[in-house]
Amino acid sequence: MSKWKFYEVKDGKLERKRKECPKCGAGVFMAEHAD
């Protein structure tokens, strides 16, 4: 799994592309579903 699926660099700062899991904490991302 590539880290660039979850992060992006904008204006010299690292930005997360997906929401993080509120139960699991930092570094665990929510899945993207159609429903």
PDB file of N, CA and C in Angstrom:
ATOM      1  N   MET A   1       0.848  -1.178   0.000  1.00  0.00           N
ATOM      2  CA  MET A   1       0.000   0.000   0.000  1.00  0.00           C
ATOM      3  C   MET A   1       0.897   1.246   0.000  1.00  0.00           C
ATOM      4  N   SER A   2       0.602   2.158  -0.835  1.00  0.00           N
ATOM      5  CA  SER A   2       1.405   3.363  -0.964  1.00  0.00           C
ATOM      6  C   SER A   2       0.972   4.438   0.023  1.00  0.00           C
ATOM      7  N   LYS A   3       1.948   5.099   0.632  1.00  0.00           N
ATOM      8  CA  LYS A   3       1.619   6.173   1.578  1.00  0.00           C
ATOM      9  C   LYS A   3       1.023   7.381   0.875  1.00  0.00           C
ATOM     10  N   TRP A   4       1.269   7.517  -0.429  1.00  0.00           N
ATOM     11  CA  TRP A   4       0.749   8.685  -1.156  1.00  0.00           C
ATOM     12  C   TRP A   4      -0.744   8.583  -1.427  1.00  0.00           C
ATOM     13  N   LYS A   5      -1.357   7.427  -1.153  1.00  0.00           N
ATOM     14  CA  LYS A   5      -2.811   7.303  -1.240  1.00  0.00           C
ATOM     15  C   LYS A   5      -3.477   8.041  -0.084  1.00  0.00           C
ATOM     16  N   PHE A   6      -2.741   8.183   1.021  1.00  0.00           N
ATOM     17  CA  PHE A   6      -3.304   8.749   2.241  1.00  0.00           C
ATOM     18  C   PHE A   6      -2.818  10.157   2.550  1.00  0.00           C
ATOM     19  N   TYR A   7      -1.669  10.539   1.979  1.00  0.00           N
ATOM     20  CA  TYR A   7      -1.088  11.851   2.269  1.00  0.00           C
ATOM     21  C   TYR A   7      -0.803  12.613   0.983  1.00  0.00           C
ATOM     22  N   GLU A   8      -0.743  13.944   1.105  1.00  0.00           N
ATOM     23  CA  GLU A   8      -0.455  14.816  -0.030  1.00  0.00           C
ATOM     24  C   GLU A   8       0.333  16.018   0.496  1.00  0.00           C
ATOM     25  N   VAL A   9       1.263  16.525  -0.306  1.00  0.00           N
ATOM     26  CA  VAL A   9       2.035  17.701   0.085  1.00  0.00           C
ATOM     27  C   VAL A   9       1.464  18.915  -0.628  1.00  0.00           C
ATOM     28  N   LYS A  10       1.021  19.903   0.157  1.00  0.00           N
ATOM     29  CA  LYS A  10       0.491  21.155  -0.386  1.00  0.00           C
ATOM     30  C   LYS A  10       1.166  22.318   0.317  1.00  0.00           C
ATOM     31  N   ASP A  11       1.719  23.221  -0.458  1.00  0.00           N
ATOM     32  CA  ASP A  11       2.398  24.406   0.080  1.00  0.00           C
ATOM     33  C   ASP A  11       3.456  24.037   1.111  1.00  0.00           C
ATOM     34  N   GLY A  12       4.151  22.929   0.885  1.00  0.00           N
ATOM     35  CA  GLY A  12       5.213  22.510   1.789  1.00  0.00           C
ATOM     36  C   GLY A  12       4.737  21.829   3.063  1.00  0.00           C
ATOM     37  N   LYS A  13       3.433  21.580   3.173  1.00  0.00           N
ATOM     38  CA  LYS A  13       2.887  20.925   4.367  1.00  0.00           C
ATOM     39  C   LYS A  13       2.236  19.600   3.985  1.00  0.00           C
ATOM     40  N   LEU A  14       2.320  18.637   4.897  1.00  0.00           N
ATOM     41  CA  LEU A  14       1.724  17.330   4.680  1.00  0.00           C
ATOM     42  C   LEU A  14       0.253  17.375   5.051  1.00  0.00           C
ATOM     43  N   GLU A  15      -0.611  16.892   4.142  1.00  0.00           N
ATOM     44  CA  GLU A  15      -2.059  16.901   4.356  1.00  0.00           C
ATOM     45  C   GLU A  15      -2.603  15.491   4.236  1.00  0.00           C
ATOM     46  N   ARG A  16      -3.547  15.145   5.101  1.00  0.00           N
ATOM     47  CA  ARG A  16      -4.193  13.833   5.023  1.00  0.00           C
ATOM     48  C   ARG A  16      -5.324  13.893   4.009  1.00  0.00           C
ATOM     49  N   LYS A  17      -5.434  12.857   3.175  1.00  0.00           N
ATOM     50  CA  LYS A  17      -6.492  12.806   2.166  1.00  0.00           C
ATOM     51  C   LYS A  17      -7.763  12.178   2.714  1.00  0.00           C
ATOM     52  N   ARG A  18      -7.634  11.275   3.675  1.00  0.00           N
ATOM     53  CA  ARG A  18      -8.790  10.574   4.243  1.00  0.00           C
ATOM     54  C   ARG A  18      -8.947  10.910   5.718  1.00  0.00           C
ATOM     55  N   LYS A  19     -10.143  10.660   6.237  1.00  0.00           N
ATOM     56  CA  LYS A  19     -10.409  10.866   7.658  1.00  0.00           C
ATOM     57  C   LYS A  19      -9.728   9.763   8.465  1.00  0.00           C
ATOM     58  N   GLU A  20      -9.307  10.113   9.679  1.00  0.00           N
ATOM     59  CA  GLU A  20      -8.745   9.116  10.576  1.00  0.00           C
ATOM     60  C   GLU A  20      -9.857   8.490  11.407  1.00  0.00           C
ATOM     61  N   CYS A  21      -9.644   7.272  11.830  1.00  0.00           N
ATOM     62  CA  CYS A  21     -10.622   6.541  12.638  1.00  0.00           C
ATOM     63  C   CYS A  21     -10.717   7.168  14.030  1.00  0.00           C
ATOM     64  N   PRO A  22     -11.922   7.548  14.472  1.00  0.00           N
ATOM     65  CA  PRO A  22     -12.068   8.161  15.792  1.00  0.00           C
ATOM     66  C   PRO A  22     -11.808   7.176  16.940  1.00  0.00           C
ATOM     67  N   LYS A  23     -12.023   5.885  16.710  1.00  0.00           N
ATOM     68  CA  LYS A  23     -11.780   4.874  17.750  1.00  0.00           C
ATOM     69  C   LYS A  23     -10.310   4.475  17.829  1.00  0.00           C
ATOM     70  N   CYS A  24      -9.675   4.311  16.673  1.00  0.00           N
ATOM     71  CA  CYS A  24      -8.311   3.781  16.614  1.00  0.00           C
ATOM     72  C   CYS A  24      -7.237   4.843  16.805  1.00  0.00           C
ATOM     73  N   GLY A  25      -7.515   6.072  16.396  1.00  0.00           N
ATOM     74  CA  GLY A  25      -6.557   7.154  16.577  1.00  0.00           C
ATOM     75  C   GLY A  25      -5.721   7.437  15.340  1.00  0.00           C
ATOM     76  N   ALA A  26      -4.656   8.184  15.561  1.00  0.00           N
ATOM     77  CA  ALA A  26      -3.805   8.666  14.473  1.00  0.00           C
ATOM     78  C   ALA A  26      -3.142   7.518  13.714  1.00  0.00           C
ATOM     79  N   GLY A  27      -3.096   7.650  12.401  1.00  0.00           N
ATOM     80  CA  GLY A  27      -2.436   6.667  11.552  1.00  0.00           C
ATOM     81  C   GLY A  27      -3.339   5.575  11.013  1.00  0.00           C
ATOM     82  N   VAL A  28      -4.581   5.485  11.515  1.00  0.00           N
ATOM     83  CA  VAL A  28      -5.542   4.495  11.023  1.00  0.00           C
ATOM     84  C   VAL A  28      -6.635   5.253  10.292  1.00  0.00           C
ATOM     85  N   PHE A  29      -6.762   4.989   8.998  1.00  0.00           N
ATOM     86  CA  PHE A  29      -7.668   5.762   8.168  1.00  0.00           C
ATOM     87  C   PHE A  29      -8.968   5.030   7.893  1.00  0.00           C
ATOM     88  N   MET A  30     -10.024   5.809   7.728  1.00  0.00           N
ATOM     89  CA  MET A  30     -11.339   5.271   7.399  1.00  0.00           C
ATOM     90  C   MET A  30     -11.335   4.825   5.935  1.00  0.00           C
ATOM     91  N   ALA A  31     -12.126   3.822   5.622  1.00  0.00           N
ATOM     92  CA  ALA A  31     -12.255   3.329   4.253  1.00  0.00           C
ATOM     93  C   ALA A  31     -13.176   4.249   3.460  1.00  0.00           C
ATOM     94  N   GLU A  32     -13.025   4.224   2.145  1.00  0.00           N
ATOM     95  CA  GLU A  32     -13.895   5.001   1.269  1.00  0.00           C
ATOM     96  C   GLU A  32     -14.899   4.051   0.633  1.00  0.00           C
ATOM     97  N   HIS A  33     -16.184   4.240   0.959  1.00  0.00           N
ATOM     98  CA  HIS A  33     -17.257   3.406   0.429  1.00  0.00           C
ATOM     99  C   HIS A  33     -18.249   4.272  -0.338  1.00  0.00           C
ATOM    100  N   ALA A  34     -18.940   3.649  -1.273  1.00  0.00           N
ATOM    101  CA  ALA A  34     -19.961   4.364  -2.041  1.00  0.00           C
ATOM    102  C   ALA A  34     -21.204   4.623  -1.200  1.00  0.00           C
ATOM    103  N   ASP A  35     -21.492   3.755  -0.242  1.00  0.00           N
ATOM    104  CA  ASP A  35     -22.699   3.904   0.582  1.00  0.00           C
ATOM    105  C   ASP A  35     -22.397   4.388   1.984  1.00  0.00           C
TER     106      ASP A  35
END
